[in-house]
Amino acid sequence: MDFSTIQVRREGTVCRLRLHRPDRENTIDDTMVRECHAALDACEQHCTVVLLEGLPHVFCDGADLTTYGPREGADRPAKYDPSPLYDLWTRLADGPCVTVAHARGRTNAGGIGFIAASDIVVAEPQATFGLSELLFGLYPAMVLPFLVRRVGRQHAHYMTLTTKAVTAERALDWGLVDVCAERSGAVVGQHLGRLSKLPRDGVAAYKQFMGGLSGSVREQRATSVAANQRLFTDTSNIERITRFVEHGIYPWEQAPV
């Protein structure tokens, strides 16, 4: 499949999805959103892990502001529907694949949505993360649900109000970043090596469960007990467990001939 705003490469059970609009600082437009959805449509059928990458100097600089405002020859802005972008981030957060974001350089505004929606975020020490919307009288309405889940209300509040980018070190301290390393590419590779061994059905079930977690431990009791019963009576899971108990064979290993 040919794309104009992203680059996609499949390596076994890993789908590498690179945001690629170098002439526009990797800003988000409708085409990028559509193409990301199309890529995920294909990836989710065969892959366990989706790796999100950007350019060396910028992961994603937010919305492409040139797409807003009145159309040529019109006196009012074009119709605007942000829901596909929110749905894209929801797929990253709650979909059936493990999503890993590799942040290098600058991530700003809507770009934070991709980061906050990812399961695992690896960053280089030079990476920065900011929300500039309020400078224009806007606020990151669609980013905040994902960001608050990641870093908590007050950190998200601070980032929104100050409009100042935070360092990778501070993002790590706040929980927006999981690993910060000078050789971030090597760290990503290590994570992919392990994550790609996970069974697809197990990942999908786990992420669906995690997406529904809310409330106190007492409120969650019935859902958690029911999920555990399903897991330990599922025939595929029993087969994997039995192979390991009886033969010491991990699920990703081939049985000896």
C-alpha atoms as a PDB file:
ATOM      1  CA  MET A   1       0.000   0.000   0.000  1.00  0.00           C
ATOM      2  CA  ASP A   2       1.388   3.417  -0.975  1.00  0.00           C
ATOM      3  CA  PHE A   3       1.231   6.265   1.543  1.00  0.00           C
ATOM      4  CA  SER A   4       2.168   9.927   1.195  1.00  0.00           C
ATOM      5  CA  THR A   5       2.467  10.977   4.875  1.00  0.00           C
ATOM      6  CA  ILE A   6       3.699   7.824   6.613  1.00  0.00           C
ATOM      7  CA  GLN A   7       6.130   4.994   5.941  1.00  0.00           C
ATOM      8  CA  VAL A   8       5.159   1.463   6.944  1.00  0.00           C
ATOM      9  CA  ARG A   9       7.324  -1.632   7.123  1.00  0.00           C
ATOM     10  CA  ARG A  10       6.424  -5.012   8.572  1.00  0.00           C
ATOM     11  CA  GLU A  11       9.108  -7.119  10.247  1.00  0.00           C
ATOM     12  CA  GLY A  12       7.611 -10.390  11.429  1.00  0.00           C
ATOM     13  CA  THR A  13       5.056  -9.510  14.099  1.00  0.00           C
ATOM     14  CA  VAL A  14       6.302  -5.901  14.329  1.00  0.00           C
ATOM     15  CA  CYS A  15       4.802  -3.076  12.257  1.00  0.00           C
ATOM     16  CA  ARG A  16       7.045  -0.011  11.962  1.00  0.00           C
ATOM     17  CA  LEU A  17       4.953   3.095  11.303  1.00  0.00           C
ATOM     18  CA  ARG A  18       6.943   6.258  10.712  1.00  0.00           C
ATOM     19  CA  LEU A  19       5.234   9.660  10.530  1.00  0.00           C
ATOM     20  CA  HIS A  20       6.858  11.202   7.472  1.00  0.00           C
ATOM     21  CA  ARG A  21       6.017  14.745   6.440  1.00  0.00           C
ATOM     22  CA  PRO A  22       9.537  16.235   6.493  1.00  0.00           C
ATOM     23  CA  ASP A  23       8.431  19.333   4.599  1.00  0.00           C
ATOM     24  CA  ARG A  24       5.784  20.082   7.273  1.00  0.00           C
ATOM     25  CA  GLU A  25       7.655  19.099  10.464  1.00  0.00           C
ATOM     26  CA  ASN A  26       5.569  15.923  10.712  1.00  0.00           C
ATOM     27  CA  THR A  27       2.408  17.898  11.428  1.00  0.00           C
ATOM     28  CA  ILE A  28      -0.949  16.140  11.390  1.00  0.00           C
ATOM     29  CA  ASP A  29      -3.414  16.538   8.539  1.00  0.00           C
ATOM     30  CA  ASP A  30      -6.469  14.554   7.446  1.00  0.00           C
ATOM     31  CA  THR A  31      -4.420  12.456   5.059  1.00  0.00           C
ATOM     32  CA  MET A  32      -2.019  11.371   7.792  1.00  0.00           C
ATOM     33  CA  VAL A  33      -4.924  10.355  10.030  1.00  0.00           C
ATOM     34  CA  ARG A  34      -6.570   8.337   7.247  1.00  0.00           C
ATOM     35  CA  GLU A  35      -3.317   6.650   6.325  1.00  0.00           C
ATOM     36  CA  CYS A  36      -2.547   5.751   9.943  1.00  0.00           C
ATOM     37  CA  HIS A  37      -5.985   4.143  10.254  1.00  0.00           C
ATOM     38  CA  ALA A  38      -5.378   2.189   7.043  1.00  0.00           C
ATOM     39  CA  ALA A  39      -1.982   1.022   8.278  1.00  0.00           C
ATOM     40  CA  LEU A  40      -3.475  -0.134  11.570  1.00  0.00           C
ATOM     41  CA  ASP A  41      -6.232  -1.975   9.693  1.00  0.00           C
ATOM     42  CA  ALA A  42      -3.512  -4.109   8.113  1.00  0.00           C
ATOM     43  CA  CYS A  43      -1.190  -4.301  11.137  1.00  0.00           C
ATOM     44  CA  GLU A  44      -3.856  -5.438  13.565  1.00  0.00           C
ATOM     45  CA  GLN A  45      -4.546  -8.507  11.428  1.00  0.00           C
ATOM     46  CA  HIS A  46      -1.019  -9.870  11.633  1.00  0.00           C
ATOM     47  CA  CYS A  47       1.142  -7.962  14.107  1.00  0.00           C
ATOM     48  CA  THR A  48       1.621  -7.927  17.858  1.00  0.00           C
ATOM     49  CA  VAL A  49       3.591  -4.678  18.112  1.00  0.00           C
ATOM     50  CA  VAL A  50       3.251  -1.308  16.386  1.00  0.00           C
ATOM     51  CA  LEU A  51       6.301   0.962  16.594  1.00  0.00           C
ATOM     52  CA  LEU A  52       5.596   4.664  16.072  1.00  0.00           C
ATOM     53  CA  GLU A  53       8.523   6.789  14.953  1.00  0.00           C
ATOM     54  CA  GLY A  54       9.091  10.273  13.624  1.00  0.00           C
ATOM     55  CA  LEU A  55      12.031  12.160  12.182  1.00  0.00           C
ATOM     56  CA  PRO A  56      15.359  12.567  14.018  1.00  0.00           C
ATOM     57  CA  HIS A  57      14.622  16.194  14.950  1.00  0.00           C
ATOM     58  CA  VAL A  58      10.853  16.047  15.395  1.00  0.00           C
ATOM     59  CA  PHE A  59       8.447  13.265  16.307  1.00  0.00           C
ATOM     60  CA  CYS A  60       5.306  15.277  15.547  1.00  0.00           C
ATOM     61  CA  ASP A  61       4.771  19.047  15.765  1.00  0.00           C
ATOM     62  CA  GLY A  62       0.990  18.899  16.227  1.00  0.00           C
ATOM     63  CA  ALA A  63      -1.718  19.918  13.787  1.00  0.00           C
ATOM     64  CA  ASP A  64      -0.867  21.351  10.393  1.00  0.00           C
ATOM     65  CA  LEU A  65      -2.121  24.886  10.969  1.00  0.00           C
ATOM     66  CA  THR A  66      -2.115  25.639   7.255  1.00  0.00           C
ATOM     67  CA  THR A  67      -5.194  23.435   6.870  1.00  0.00           C
ATOM     68  CA  TYR A  68      -7.308  25.703   9.092  1.00  0.00           C
ATOM     69  CA  GLY A  69      -8.967  28.979   8.253  1.00  0.00           C
ATOM     70  CA  PRO A  70     -11.161  29.965   5.292  1.00  0.00           C
ATOM     71  CA  ARG A  71     -10.783  28.049   2.061  1.00  0.00           C
ATOM     72  CA  GLU A  72      -9.717  29.968  -0.991  1.00  0.00           C
ATOM     73  CA  GLY A  73     -12.714  31.893  -2.284  1.00  0.00           C
ATOM     74  CA  ALA A  74     -14.765  31.147   0.861  1.00  0.00           C
ATOM     75  CA  ASP A  75     -15.610  33.418   3.770  1.00  0.00           C
ATOM     76  CA  ARG A  76     -15.686  30.704   6.445  1.00  0.00           C
ATOM     77  CA  PRO A  77     -13.450  27.789   7.510  1.00  0.00           C
ATOM     78  CA  ALA A  78     -13.883  24.386   5.944  1.00  0.00           C
ATOM     79  CA  LYS A  79     -15.895  21.818   7.845  1.00  0.00           C
ATOM     80  CA  TYR A  80     -13.740  20.328  10.581  1.00  0.00           C
ATOM     81  CA  ASP A  81     -14.186  16.856  12.098  1.00  0.00           C
ATOM     82  CA  PRO A  82     -11.555  15.911  14.707  1.00  0.00           C
ATOM     83  CA  SER A  83     -13.154  12.592  15.657  1.00  0.00           C
ATOM     84  CA  PRO A  84     -11.008  10.377  13.348  1.00  0.00           C
ATOM     85  CA  LEU A  85      -7.875  11.618  15.144  1.00  0.00           C
ATOM     86  CA  TYR A  86      -9.350  10.871  18.567  1.00  0.00           C
ATOM     87  CA  ASP A  87     -10.373   7.439  17.275  1.00  0.00           C
ATOM     88  CA  LEU A  88      -6.817   6.872  16.027  1.00  0.00           C
ATOM     89  CA  TRP A  89      -5.342   7.578  19.451  1.00  0.00           C
ATOM     90  CA  THR A  90      -7.978   5.335  21.023  1.00  0.00           C
ATOM     91  CA  ARG A  91      -6.867   2.503  18.730  1.00  0.00           C
ATOM     92  CA  LEU A  92      -3.295   2.995  19.897  1.00  0.00           C
ATOM     93  CA  ALA A  93      -4.336   3.058  23.548  1.00  0.00           C
ATOM     94  CA  ASP A  94      -6.912   0.260  23.611  1.00  0.00           C
ATOM     95  CA  GLY A  95      -6.386  -1.656  20.369  1.00  0.00           C
ATOM     96  CA  PRO A  96      -5.081  -5.232  20.100  1.00  0.00           C
ATOM     97  CA  CYS A  97      -1.394  -4.389  19.512  1.00  0.00           C
ATOM     98  CA  VAL A  98       1.316  -3.209  21.880  1.00  0.00           C
ATOM     99  CA  THR A  99       2.125   0.342  20.785  1.00  0.00           C
ATOM    100  CA  VAL A 100       5.649   1.646  21.298  1.00  0.00           C
ATOM    101  CA  ALA A 101       6.510   5.288  20.577  1.00  0.00           C
ATOM    102  CA  HIS A 102      10.130   6.269  19.907  1.00  0.00           C
ATOM    103  CA  ALA A 103      10.431   9.998  20.584  1.00  0.00           C
ATOM    104  CA  ARG A 104      13.385  11.928  19.234  1.00  0.00           C
ATOM    105  CA  GLY A 105      13.631  15.683  18.961  1.00  0.00           C
ATOM    106  CA  ARG A 106      10.493  17.775  19.455  1.00  0.00           C
ATOM    107  CA  THR A 107       6.957  16.617  20.186  1.00  0.00           C
ATOM    108  CA  ASN A 108       4.346  19.336  20.451  1.00  0.00           C
ATOM    109  CA  ALA A 109       0.577  19.828  20.783  1.00  0.00           C
ATOM    110  CA  GLY A 110      -1.295  17.064  18.963  1.00  0.00           C
ATOM    111  CA  GLY A 111       1.916  15.086  18.737  1.00  0.00           C
ATOM    112  CA  ILE A 112       1.588  14.531  22.482  1.00  0.00           C
ATOM    113  CA  GLY A 113      -1.608  12.612  21.691  1.00  0.00           C
ATOM    114  CA  PHE A 114       0.404   9.919  19.889  1.00  0.00           C
ATOM    115  CA  ILE A 115       2.858   9.734  22.785  1.00  0.00           C
ATOM    116  CA  ALA A 116       0.269   9.676  25.568  1.00  0.00           C
ATOM    117  CA  ALA A 117      -1.820   7.039  23.774  1.00  0.00           C
ATOM    118  CA  SER A 118       1.099   4.632  23.382  1.00  0.00           C
ATOM    119  CA  ASP A 119       1.647   1.720  25.745  1.00  0.00           C
ATOM    120  CA  ILE A 120       5.403   2.256  25.996  1.00  0.00           C
ATOM    121  CA  VAL A 121       7.397   5.405  25.255  1.00  0.00           C
ATOM    122  CA  VAL A 122      11.157   5.410  24.714  1.00  0.00           C
ATOM    123  CA  ALA A 123      12.878   8.792  24.311  1.00  0.00           C
ATOM    124  CA  GLU A 124      16.328  10.147  23.708  1.00  0.00           C
ATOM    125  CA  PRO A 125      17.628  12.618  26.335  1.00  0.00           C
ATOM    126  CA  GLN A 126      17.371  15.519  23.847  1.00  0.00           C
ATOM    127  CA  ALA A 127      13.641  14.959  23.270  1.00  0.00           C
ATOM    128  CA  THR A 128      11.158  17.615  24.418  1.00  0.00           C
ATOM    129  CA  PHE A 129       7.405  17.523  24.985  1.00  0.00           C
ATOM    130  CA  GLY A 130       5.118  20.566  24.943  1.00  0.00           C
ATOM    131  CA  LEU A 131       1.559  21.818  24.635  1.00  0.00           C
ATOM    132  CA  SER A 132       1.460  25.186  22.883  1.00  0.00           C
ATOM    133  CA  GLU A 133      -2.289  25.423  22.228  1.00  0.00           C
ATOM    134  CA  LEU A 134      -3.160  28.020  24.877  1.00  0.00           C
ATOM    135  CA  LEU A 135      -0.838  30.529  23.194  1.00  0.00           C
ATOM    136  CA  PHE A 136      -3.525  30.704  20.487  1.00  0.00           C
ATOM    137  CA  GLY A 137      -6.453  30.735  22.904  1.00  0.00           C
ATOM    138  CA  LEU A 138      -6.990  27.012  22.353  1.00  0.00           C
ATOM    139  CA  TYR A 139      -6.580  24.081  24.696  1.00  0.00           C
ATOM    140  CA  PRO A 140      -5.696  20.423  23.956  1.00  0.00           C
ATOM    141  CA  ALA A 141      -9.200  19.025  24.421  1.00  0.00           C
ATOM    142  CA  MET A 142      -8.513  15.718  22.654  1.00  0.00           C
ATOM    143  CA  VAL A 143      -5.006  15.186  24.043  1.00  0.00           C
ATOM    144  CA  LEU A 144      -5.947  15.702  27.693  1.00  0.00           C
ATOM    145  CA  PRO A 145      -7.944  12.476  28.267  1.00  0.00           C
ATOM    146  CA  PHE A 146      -4.911  10.453  27.157  1.00  0.00           C
ATOM    147  CA  LEU A 147      -2.377  12.713  28.858  1.00  0.00           C
ATOM    148  CA  VAL A 148      -4.192  12.786  32.208  1.00  0.00           C
ATOM    149  CA  ARG A 149      -4.304   8.992  32.165  1.00  0.00           C
ATOM    150  CA  ARG A 150      -0.558   8.986  31.626  1.00  0.00           C
ATOM    151  CA  VAL A 151       0.766  11.711  33.914  1.00  0.00           C
ATOM    152  CA  GLY A 152      -2.132  12.730  36.156  1.00  0.00           C
ATOM    153  CA  ARG A 153      -4.311  15.821  36.207  1.00  0.00           C
ATOM    154  CA  GLN A 154      -1.860  18.321  37.685  1.00  0.00           C
ATOM    155  CA  HIS A 155       1.073  17.570  35.391  1.00  0.00           C
ATOM    156  CA  ALA A 156      -1.235  17.800  32.384  1.00  0.00           C
ATOM    157  CA  HIS A 157      -2.666  21.038  33.818  1.00  0.00           C
ATOM    158  CA  TYR A 158       0.834  22.479  34.242  1.00  0.00           C
ATOM    159  CA  MET A 159       1.893  21.581  30.696  1.00  0.00           C
ATOM    160  CA  THR A 160      -1.267  23.157  29.284  1.00  0.00           C
ATOM    161  CA  LEU A 161      -1.013  26.398  31.263  1.00  0.00           C
ATOM    162  CA  THR A 162       2.712  27.038  30.887  1.00  0.00           C
ATOM    163  CA  THR A 163       2.798  26.107  27.161  1.00  0.00           C
ATOM    164  CA  LYS A 164       6.475  25.375  27.802  1.00  0.00           C
ATOM    165  CA  ALA A 165       8.107  22.184  26.580  1.00  0.00           C
ATOM    166  CA  VAL A 166       9.431  19.836  29.251  1.00  0.00           C
ATOM    167  CA  THR A 167      12.616  17.830  28.950  1.00  0.00           C
ATOM    168  CA  ALA A 168      12.792  14.087  28.471  1.00  0.00           C
ATOM    169  CA  GLU A 169      14.138  13.826  32.012  1.00  0.00           C
ATOM    170  CA  ARG A 170      11.082  15.558  33.458  1.00  0.00           C
ATOM    171  CA  ALA A 171       8.757  13.590  31.162  1.00  0.00           C
ATOM    172  CA  LEU A 172      10.359  10.418  32.521  1.00  0.00           C
ATOM    173  CA  ASP A 173       9.813  11.583  36.095  1.00  0.00           C
ATOM    174  CA  TRP A 174       6.148  12.358  35.346  1.00  0.00           C
ATOM    175  CA  GLY A 175       5.451   9.076  33.558  1.00  0.00           C
ATOM    176  CA  LEU A 176       4.953  10.423  30.040  1.00  0.00           C
ATOM    177  CA  VAL A 177       8.159   8.596  29.065  1.00  0.00           C
ATOM    178  CA  ASP A 178       8.973   5.080  30.273  1.00  0.00           C
ATOM    179  CA  VAL A 179      12.644   4.855  29.271  1.00  0.00           C
ATOM    180  CA  CYS A 180      15.093   7.655  28.470  1.00  0.00           C
ATOM    181  CA  ALA A 181      18.408   6.571  26.979  1.00  0.00           C
ATOM    182  CA  GLU A 182      21.185   8.042  24.876  1.00  0.00           C
ATOM    183  CA  ARG A 183      21.115   5.034  22.551  1.00  0.00           C
ATOM    184  CA  SER A 184      17.337   5.060  22.371  1.00  0.00           C
ATOM    185  CA  GLY A 185      17.231   3.091  19.125  1.00  0.00           C
ATOM    186  CA  ALA A 186      19.031   0.164  20.746  1.00  0.00           C
ATOM    187  CA  VAL A 187      16.625   0.296  23.699  1.00  0.00           C
ATOM    188  CA  VAL A 188      13.676   0.213  21.302  1.00  0.00           C
ATOM    189  CA  GLY A 189      15.200  -2.838  19.630  1.00  0.00           C
ATOM    190  CA  GLN A 190      15.520  -4.612  22.965  1.00  0.00           C
ATOM    191  CA  HIS A 191      11.869  -3.928  23.751  1.00  0.00           C
ATOM    192  CA  LEU A 192      10.717  -5.114  20.332  1.00  0.00           C
ATOM    193  CA  GLY A 193      12.677  -8.329  20.709  1.00  0.00           C
ATOM    194  CA  ARG A 194      10.783  -9.211  23.869  1.00  0.00           C
ATOM    195  CA  LEU A 195       7.368  -7.797  23.001  1.00  0.00           C
ATOM    196  CA  SER A 196       7.273  -9.621  19.657  1.00  0.00           C
ATOM    197  CA  LYS A 197       7.317 -12.923  21.542  1.00  0.00           C
ATOM    198  CA  LEU A 198       3.977 -12.216  23.224  1.00  0.00           C
ATOM    199  CA  PRO A 199       0.948 -14.095  21.819  1.00  0.00           C
ATOM    200  CA  ARG A 200      -1.361 -11.800  19.837  1.00  0.00           C
ATOM    201  CA  ASP A 201      -4.536 -13.082  21.458  1.00  0.00           C
ATOM    202  CA  GLY A 202      -3.109 -12.544  24.943  1.00  0.00           C
ATOM    203  CA  VAL A 203      -2.086  -8.960  24.148  1.00  0.00           C
ATOM    204  CA  ALA A 204      -5.482  -8.138  22.654  1.00  0.00           C
ATOM    205  CA  ALA A 205      -7.361  -9.526  25.659  1.00  0.00           C
ATOM    206  CA  TYR A 206      -5.062  -7.739  28.115  1.00  0.00           C
ATOM    207  CA  LYS A 207      -5.401  -4.352  26.444  1.00  0.00           C
ATOM    208  CA  GLN A 208      -9.170  -4.683  26.266  1.00  0.00           C
ATOM    209  CA  PHE A 209      -9.214  -5.428  29.988  1.00  0.00           C
ATOM    210  CA  MET A 210      -6.887  -2.547  30.845  1.00  0.00           C
ATOM    211  CA  GLY A 211      -8.970  -0.149  28.774  1.00  0.00           C
ATOM    212  CA  GLY A 212     -11.972  -0.895  30.939  1.00  0.00           C
ATOM    213  CA  LEU A 213     -10.285  -0.539  34.325  1.00  0.00           C
ATOM    214  CA  SER A 214     -11.786   2.203  36.456  1.00  0.00           C
ATOM    215  CA  GLY A 215     -13.020   2.866  39.955  1.00  0.00           C
ATOM    216  CA  SER A 216     -11.934   1.198  43.176  1.00  0.00           C
ATOM    217  CA  VAL A 217     -10.647  -2.348  43.581  1.00  0.00           C
ATOM    218  CA  ARG A 218     -14.021  -3.319  45.065  1.00  0.00           C
ATOM    219  CA  GLU A 219     -15.882  -1.963  42.034  1.00  0.00           C
ATOM    220  CA  GLN A 220     -13.509  -3.848  39.754  1.00  0.00           C
ATOM    221  CA  ARG A 221     -13.890  -7.208  41.538  1.00  0.00           C
ATOM    222  CA  ALA A 222     -16.547  -8.825  39.335  1.00  0.00           C
ATOM    223  CA  THR A 223     -14.863  -7.796  36.081  1.00  0.00           C
ATOM    224  CA  SER A 224     -11.436  -8.962  37.248  1.00  0.00           C
ATOM    225  CA  VAL A 225     -12.645 -12.332  38.561  1.00  0.00           C
ATOM    226  CA  ALA A 226     -14.601 -13.018  35.356  1.00  0.00           C
ATOM    227  CA  ALA A 227     -11.598 -12.110  33.196  1.00  0.00           C
ATOM    228  CA  ASN A 228      -9.320 -14.395  35.203  1.00  0.00           C
ATOM    229  CA  GLN A 229     -11.775 -17.277  34.826  1.00  0.00           C
ATOM    230  CA  ARG A 230     -11.827 -16.783  31.047  1.00  0.00           C
ATOM    231  CA  LEU A 231      -8.037 -16.701  30.847  1.00  0.00           C
ATOM    232  CA  PHE A 232      -7.443 -19.902  32.761  1.00  0.00           C
ATOM    233  CA  THR A 233     -10.140 -21.887  30.973  1.00  0.00           C
ATOM    234  CA  ASP A 234      -9.236 -20.775  27.446  1.00  0.00           C
ATOM    235  CA  THR A 235      -7.990 -23.787  25.472  1.00  0.00           C
ATOM    236  CA  SER A 236      -5.168 -21.883  23.732  1.00  0.00           C
ATOM    237  CA  ASN A 237      -3.842 -20.638  27.055  1.00  0.00           C
ATOM    238  CA  ILE A 238      -4.090 -24.109  28.589  1.00  0.00           C
ATOM    239  CA  GLU A 239      -2.111 -25.561  25.671  1.00  0.00           C
ATOM    240  CA  ARG A 240       0.645 -22.973  26.092  1.00  0.00           C
ATOM    241  CA  ILE A 241       0.813 -23.591  29.827  1.00  0.00           C
ATOM    242  CA  THR A 242       0.850 -27.361  29.383  1.00  0.00           C
ATOM    243  CA  ARG A 243       3.684 -27.246  26.831  1.00  0.00           C
ATOM    244  CA  PHE A 244       5.774 -25.256  29.256  1.00  0.00           C
ATOM    245  CA  VAL A 245       4.949 -27.352  32.341  1.00  0.00           C
ATOM    246  CA  GLU A 246       5.469 -30.696  30.616  1.00  0.00           C
ATOM    247  CA  HIS A 247       8.239 -29.891  28.166  1.00  0.00           C
ATOM    248  CA  GLY A 248       9.745 -26.544  29.252  1.00  0.00           C
ATOM    249  CA  ILE A 249       8.830 -24.997  25.895  1.00  0.00           C
ATOM    250  CA  TYR A 250       7.927 -21.311  25.897  1.00  0.00           C
ATOM    251  CA  PRO A 251       5.014 -20.246  23.660  1.00  0.00           C
ATOM    252  CA  TRP A 252       7.275 -18.579  21.090  1.00  0.00           C
ATOM    253  CA  GLU A 253       9.616 -21.562  20.808  1.00  0.00           C
ATOM    254  CA  GLN A 254       9.216 -24.375  18.308  1.00  0.00           C
ATOM    255  CA  ALA A 255       8.681 -27.849  19.717  1.00  0.00           C
ATOM    256  CA  PRO A 256      11.674 -30.148  19.013  1.00  0.00           C
ATOM    257  CA  VAL A 257      11.172 -32.514  16.075  1.00  0.00           C
END
